[in-house]
C-alpha atoms as a PDB file:
ATOM      1  CA  MET A   1      79.762 -35.649   3.868  1.00  0.00           C
ATOM      2  CA  ILE A   2      81.824 -32.612   3.651  1.00  0.00           C
ATOM      3  CA  LYS A   3      85.017 -32.998   1.628  1.00  0.00           C
ATOM      4  CA  PRO A   4      87.894 -30.720   0.047  1.00  0.00           C
ATOM      5  CA  SER A   5      86.340 -31.795  -3.216  1.00  0.00           C
ATOM      6  CA  ASN A   6      82.823 -30.892  -2.437  1.00  0.00           C
ATOM      7  CA  ILE A   7      83.070 -27.873  -0.226  1.00  0.00           C
ATOM      8  CA  THR A   8      81.880 -25.359  -2.828  1.00  0.00           C
ATOM      9  CA  LYS A   9      78.534 -27.072  -3.199  1.00  0.00           C
ATOM     10  CA  HIS A  10      77.925 -27.760   0.400  1.00  0.00           C
ATOM     11  CA  GLU A  11      76.546 -26.143   3.187  1.00  0.00           C
ATOM     12  CA  ILE A  12      79.154 -23.301   4.526  1.00  0.00           C
ATOM     13  CA  ILE A  13      77.442 -22.253   7.928  1.00  0.00           C
ATOM     14  CA  GLY A  14      78.770 -23.795  10.892  1.00  0.00           C
ATOM     15  CA  LEU A  15      82.152 -24.248   9.579  1.00  0.00           C
ATOM     16  CA  LYS A  16      85.576 -22.470  11.063  1.00  0.00           C
ATOM     17  CA  CYS A  17      87.292 -20.189   8.660  1.00  0.00           C
ATOM     18  CA  GLU A  18      89.941 -17.929   8.057  1.00  0.00           C
ATOM     19  CA  ALA A  19      89.193 -14.696   5.984  1.00  0.00           C
ATOM     20  CA  SER A  20      91.917 -12.400   4.543  1.00  0.00           C
ATOM     21  CA  LEU A  21      91.206  -9.395   2.226  1.00  0.00           C
ATOM     22  CA  LYS A  22      92.691  -9.871  -1.179  1.00  0.00           C
ATOM     23  CA  GLY A  23      95.898  -8.336  -1.478  1.00  0.00           C
ATOM     24  CA  GLY A  24      95.935  -7.355   2.132  1.00  0.00           C
ATOM     25  CA  ALA A  25      97.494  -8.766   5.518  1.00  0.00           C
ATOM     26  CA  SER A  26      94.182  -8.414   7.596  1.00  0.00           C
ATOM     27  CA  LYS A  27      92.805 -11.648   8.769  1.00  0.00           C
ATOM     28  CA  ILE A  28      89.584 -12.684  10.626  1.00  0.00           C
ATOM     29  CA  ASP A  29      89.200 -15.961  12.525  1.00  0.00           C
ATOM     30  CA  GLY A  30      86.016 -17.371  13.198  1.00  0.00           C
ATOM     31  CA  ARG A  31      82.935 -19.798  12.502  1.00  0.00           C
ATOM     32  CA  VAL A  32      80.242 -18.798   9.990  1.00  0.00           C
ATOM     33  CA  ILE A  33      76.893 -18.294  11.205  1.00  0.00           C
ATOM     34  CA  ASP A  34      74.838 -16.915   8.591  1.00  0.00           C
ATOM     35  CA  GLU A  35      75.058 -16.618   4.701  1.00  0.00           C
ATOM     36  CA  THR A  36      73.199 -14.274   2.193  1.00  0.00           C
ATOM     37  CA  ARG A  37      73.840 -14.212  -1.769  1.00  0.00           C
ATOM     38  CA  ASN A  38      77.010 -11.664  -1.167  1.00  0.00           C
ATOM     39  CA  THR A  39      78.196 -12.009   2.412  1.00  0.00           C
ATOM     40  CA  PHE A  40      78.973 -14.216   5.082  1.00  0.00           C
ATOM     41  CA  VAL A  41      78.605 -13.300   9.029  1.00  0.00           C
ATOM     42  CA  VAL A  42      81.227 -14.823  10.831  1.00  0.00           C
ATOM     43  CA  GLN A  43      81.446 -15.147  14.827  1.00  0.00           C
ATOM     44  CA  THR A  44      85.061 -13.978  16.200  1.00  0.00           C
ATOM     45  CA  LYS A  45      85.961 -13.618  19.700  1.00  0.00           C
ATOM     46  CA  LYS A  46      85.369  -9.726  19.292  1.00  0.00           C
ATOM     47  CA  GLY A  47      81.998 -10.305  17.974  1.00  0.00           C
ATOM     48  CA  LYS A  48      80.138 -10.865  14.663  1.00  0.00           C
ATOM     49  CA  LYS A  49      81.724  -9.399  11.109  1.00  0.00           C
ATOM     50  CA  THR A  50      79.933  -9.657   8.130  1.00  0.00           C
ATOM     51  CA  LEU A  51      82.434 -10.064   5.028  1.00  0.00           C
ATOM     52  CA  ILE A  52      81.556  -9.597   1.506  1.00  0.00           C
ATOM     53  CA  LYS A  53      82.405 -12.885  -0.213  1.00  0.00           C
ATOM     54  CA  ASP A  54      84.174 -11.488  -3.324  1.00  0.00           C
ATOM     55  CA  LYS A  55      86.703  -9.318  -1.183  1.00  0.00           C
ATOM     56  CA  TYR A  56      88.031 -12.044   0.715  1.00  0.00           C
ATOM     57  CA  ASN A  57      89.753 -15.625   0.481  1.00  0.00           C
ATOM     58  CA  PHE A  58      88.775 -18.207   2.711  1.00  0.00           C
ATOM     59  CA  VAL A  59      90.292 -20.874   4.499  1.00  0.00           C
ATOM     60  CA  PHE A  60      87.780 -23.413   5.607  1.00  0.00           C
ATOM     61  CA  LYS A  61      88.819 -25.841   8.442  1.00  0.00           C
ATOM     62  CA  LEU A  62      87.605 -29.299   7.625  1.00  0.00           C
ATOM     63  CA  PRO A  63      88.428 -32.379   9.913  1.00  0.00           C
ATOM     64  CA  GLU A  64      90.714 -33.786   7.221  1.00  0.00           C
ATOM     65  CA  LYS A  65      92.597 -30.796   6.196  1.00  0.00           C
ATOM     66  CA  SER A  66      92.188 -26.935   5.670  1.00  0.00           C
ATOM     67  CA  VAL A  67      90.842 -25.682   2.123  1.00  0.00           C
ATOM     68  CA  ASN A  68      91.607 -22.451   0.580  1.00  0.00           C
ATOM     69  CA  VAL A  69      88.531 -21.015  -1.511  1.00  0.00           C
ATOM     70  CA  SER A  70      88.111 -17.729  -3.369  1.00  0.00           C
ATOM     71  CA  GLY A  71      85.366 -15.607  -2.287  1.00  0.00           C
ATOM     72  CA  VAL A  72      84.288 -14.984  -5.945  1.00  0.00           C
ATOM     73  CA  VAL A  73      83.430 -19.004  -6.269  1.00  0.00           C
ATOM     74  CA  LEU A  74      80.973 -18.616  -3.171  1.00  0.00           C
ATOM     75  CA  VAL A  75      78.896 -15.525  -4.452  1.00  0.00           C
ATOM     76  CA  GLY A  76      75.306 -16.762  -4.685  1.00  0.00           C
ATOM     77  CA  ARG A  77      72.730 -18.284  -2.323  1.00  0.00           C
ATOM     78  CA  SER A  78      73.731 -21.757  -0.971  1.00  0.00           C
ATOM     79  CA  ARG A  79      71.127 -23.413  -2.833  1.00  0.00           C
ATOM     80  CA  ASP A  80      72.150 -21.753  -6.424  1.00  0.00           C
ATOM     81  CA  ARG A  81      75.806 -22.920  -5.878  1.00  0.00           C
ATOM     82  CA  ILE A  82      75.053 -26.540  -6.197  1.00  0.00           C
ATOM     83  CA  LYS A  83      74.056 -25.822  -9.945  1.00  0.00           C
ATOM     84  CA  LYS A  84      77.123 -23.994 -10.667  1.00  0.00           C
ATOM     85  CA  LYS A  85      79.958 -25.795 -12.568  1.00  0.00           C
ATOM     86  CA  THR A  86      83.155 -25.578 -10.643  1.00  0.00           C
ATOM     87  CA  ASP A  87      86.681 -27.149 -10.756  1.00  0.00           C
ATOM     88  CA  LYS A  88      87.507 -29.750  -8.282  1.00  0.00           C
ATOM     89  CA  TRP A  89      90.167 -28.757  -5.569  1.00  0.00           C
END
């Protein structure tokens, strides 16, 4: 089950998120529909947007609460993120 403590080691596709550029006010709200090593594809009301992970901060909306995650932590393939050692949230 996905929890705030294990979000970086969980499948991100299908989660609602809000992405904001680091150091900027631009925000993108939508659902993650695809993932590559360096990007997320987010479905927004205006269409699909490809976001470079390390350029954005993400707020993932879970049933319990929202979780802030820096995109730098998410860089890499989803199957490789499991092996990374990360701090708990």
